[in-house]
Protein backbone atom coordinates (compact mmCIF):
# COMPACT_ATOMS: atom_id res chain seq x y z
CA UNK A 1 -34.25 45.22 37.10
CA UNK A 2 -31.28 45.72 34.49
CA UNK A 3 -28.94 45.10 37.33
CA UNK A 4 -30.06 42.25 37.69
CA UNK A 5 -29.20 41.47 33.88
CA UNK A 6 -25.98 42.23 33.95
CA UNK A 7 -24.72 40.70 37.61
CA UNK A 8 -26.21 37.40 35.24
CA UNK A 9 -24.13 37.96 32.03
CA UNK A 10 -20.76 38.69 34.35
CA UNK A 11 -21.78 35.70 35.86
CA UNK A 12 -22.22 33.74 32.54
CA UNK A 13 -19.00 34.68 31.61
CA UNK A 14 -17.32 34.63 34.32
CA UNK A 15 -18.13 30.19 33.96
CA UNK A 16 -17.50 30.50 30.19
CA UNK A 17 -13.90 32.08 31.28
CA UNK A 18 -13.13 29.14 33.65
CA UNK A 19 -14.62 26.16 31.58
CA UNK A 20 -12.39 27.61 28.96
CA UNK A 21 -9.51 27.51 30.85
CA UNK A 22 -10.35 23.86 32.99
CA UNK A 23 -10.31 22.65 28.84
CA UNK A 24 -7.10 24.69 27.76
CA UNK A 25 -5.48 23.23 31.40
CA UNK A 26 -6.79 19.27 30.30
CA UNK A 27 -5.29 19.49 27.05
CA UNK A 28 -2.28 20.48 27.86
CA UNK A 29 -2.21 17.82 30.33
CA UNK A 30 -2.77 15.40 27.93
CA UNK A 31 -0.29 16.57 25.51
CA UNK A 32 2.24 16.77 28.61
CA UNK A 33 1.57 13.46 29.24
CA UNK A 34 1.80 12.23 26.13
CA UNK A 35 5.14 13.85 25.76
CA UNK A 36 6.62 12.13 29.23
CA UNK A 37 6.28 8.43 27.82
CA UNK A 38 7.81 9.12 24.57
CA UNK A 39 10.59 10.35 25.91
CA UNK A 40 11.33 6.82 27.46
CA UNK A 41 11.40 5.31 24.08
CA UNK A 42 15.15 6.27 23.01
CA UNK A 43 15.13 4.86 19.73
CA UNK A 44 12.29 4.11 18.40
CA UNK A 45 11.16 1.05 15.76
CA UNK A 46 7.39 2.07 14.74
CA UNK A 47 5.66 5.61 13.95
CA UNK A 48 3.19 5.11 17.13
CA UNK A 49 6.95 5.73 19.47
CA UNK A 50 7.63 9.23 18.40
CA UNK A 51 6.52 11.63 20.39
CA UNK A 52 4.60 14.06 17.58
CA UNK A 53 4.59 12.59 13.56
CA UNK A 54 2.60 15.01 10.84
CA UNK A 55 0.53 13.41 8.10
CA UNK A 56 1.97 13.87 4.99
CA UNK A 57 -0.36 11.72 2.39
CA UNK A 58 -3.48 9.76 3.37
CA UNK A 59 -4.82 7.82 0.48
CA UNK A 60 -8.52 6.23 1.74
CA UNK A 61 -9.48 3.17 0.18
CA UNK A 62 -12.39 2.04 -0.99
CA UNK A 63 -14.36 -1.60 -0.23
CA UNK A 64 -16.36 -3.33 2.83
CA UNK A 65 -14.06 -2.56 5.63
CA UNK A 66 -12.19 1.11 5.27
CA UNK A 67 -8.71 1.08 4.70
CA UNK A 68 -6.27 4.38 5.27
CA UNK A 69 -2.61 4.08 3.76
CA UNK A 70 -0.94 7.21 5.80
CA UNK A 71 2.60 8.27 5.02
CA UNK A 72 3.62 10.30 8.45
CA UNK A 73 6.83 12.04 9.20
CA UNK A 74 8.52 12.66 12.07
CA UNK A 75 8.74 16.88 12.52
CA UNK A 76 11.74 16.98 14.40
CA UNK A 77 14.06 14.36 12.11
CA UNK A 78 12.85 15.06 8.91
CA UNK A 79 14.36 12.19 7.35
CA UNK A 80 12.21 9.53 9.28
CA UNK A 81 8.79 8.63 7.64
CA UNK A 82 6.76 5.27 7.90
CA UNK A 83 3.94 3.48 6.15
CA UNK A 84 0.83 2.83 8.06
CA UNK A 85 -2.33 0.80 6.70
CA UNK A 86 -5.36 1.68 9.28
CA UNK A 87 -8.40 0.10 9.73
CA UNK A 88 -11.17 2.19 10.98
CA UNK A 89 -14.73 1.39 12.19
CA UNK A 90 -17.17 1.45 9.72
CA UNK A 91 -19.16 3.58 10.73
CA UNK A 92 -17.35 6.00 11.63
CA UNK A 93 -17.53 8.98 8.75
CA UNK A 94 -15.28 11.28 10.59
CA UNK A 95 -11.89 10.03 11.15
CA UNK A 96 -10.82 10.29 7.31
CA UNK A 97 -12.13 13.74 6.60
CA UNK A 98 -10.43 14.68 10.05
CA UNK A 99 -6.69 13.55 8.42
CA UNK A 100 -7.30 14.83 5.60
CA UNK A 101 -7.83 18.20 7.14
CA UNK A 102 -4.49 17.32 8.79
CA UNK A 103 -2.64 17.03 6.68
CA UNK A 104 -3.50 19.82 4.56
CA UNK A 105 -2.68 21.68 7.88
CA UNK A 106 -0.06 19.99 9.00
CA UNK A 107 -1.53 19.71 12.20
CA UNK A 108 0.91 17.76 14.79
CA UNK A 109 -0.10 14.74 15.92
CA UNK A 110 -0.29 12.41 18.99
CA UNK A 111 0.00 8.82 18.07
CA UNK A 112 -0.78 6.07 21.79
CA UNK A 113 -0.97 2.45 21.25
CA UNK A 114 -3.52 0.90 22.41
CA UNK A 115 -4.68 -2.63 23.13
CA UNK A 116 -3.59 -4.72 20.69
CA UNK A 117 -2.91 -3.16 17.25
CA UNK A 118 -5.78 -0.48 18.19
CA UNK A 119 -4.31 3.11 18.60
CA UNK A 120 -5.40 6.82 18.38
CA UNK A 121 -4.60 9.49 16.89
CA UNK A 122 -4.60 12.98 18.04
CA UNK A 123 -3.92 16.47 17.60
CA UNK A 124 -2.47 18.13 19.44
CA UNK A 125 -3.72 21.33 21.48
CA UNK A 126 -7.16 19.70 20.72
CA UNK A 127 -9.73 16.95 21.87
CA UNK A 128 -10.23 15.78 18.19
CA UNK A 129 -8.78 12.22 18.13
CA UNK A 130 -9.41 9.19 15.12
CA UNK A 131 -9.49 5.80 16.86
CA UNK A 132 -8.23 3.15 14.40
CA UNK A 133 -6.47 -0.38 14.01
CA UNK A 134 -2.87 -0.84 12.73
CA UNK A 135 -2.94 -2.87 10.30
CA UNK A 136 0.55 -2.96 8.96
CA UNK A 137 3.47 -0.76 9.04
CA UNK A 138 6.67 0.11 6.69
CA UNK A 139 9.09 2.20 8.77
CA UNK A 140 12.57 1.55 7.17
CA UNK A 141 13.30 5.02 7.07
CA UNK A 142 13.56 4.83 10.52
CA UNK A 143 16.57 2.86 10.88
CA UNK A 144 19.68 5.17 11.37
CA UNK A 145 21.12 6.45 7.95
CA UNK A 146 24.96 4.52 7.52
CA UNK A 147 27.56 6.18 10.13
CA UNK A 148 23.93 6.91 12.16
CA UNK A 149 23.90 6.51 15.95
CA UNK A 150 24.93 3.03 16.31
CA UNK A 151 28.12 3.33 14.56
CA UNK A 152 29.15 6.69 16.19
CA UNK A 153 28.04 4.23 19.65
CA UNK A 154 30.73 1.61 18.73
CA UNK A 155 33.66 4.55 17.63
CA UNK A 156 32.44 5.84 20.74
CA UNK A 157 32.77 2.19 22.68
CA UNK A 158 36.16 1.76 21.19
CA UNK A 159 37.50 4.77 21.95
CA UNK A 160 36.86 4.10 25.01
CA UNK A 161 38.73 0.65 25.38
CA UNK A 162 41.28 2.56 23.34
CA UNK A 163 41.98 5.38 25.97
CA UNK A 164 41.26 2.49 29.07
CA UNK A 165 44.60 0.15 27.40
CA UNK A 166 46.83 2.45 25.82
CA UNK A 167 46.26 5.92 28.07
């Protein structure tokens, strides 16, 4: 009888370990696929094109339609920030606390575009998700500062022309 209990515990422990490993592989695959999709965008024009963002501030707006104002930043480029106005489903009482938690812990978040203005924010290395609709975005901070990449590219092309002409 004792041997059967021990065998049952071992089998249960092994099954739990396999299920946990499968979950980790699934989450890692999600992270890898989302990152691969973002690498193809060399100069993002929206925070939704960033491979990763961090929620710096969240301001929920009271009213009939729950609106949330988010200030987000790109960790790899601290000078790039964006302000997004999101509409969350009125029956969704989990999104605002999740976004607040992500803001407080500075959790890495993966943004994904969906149909139309719909988007999904997913905490990296997790299955926690927030579904919303993007109403407006201010990404003026995304443009390279004076002397940024556009100027360097132009200077590089001019230098190449000079080399070919005067070489």
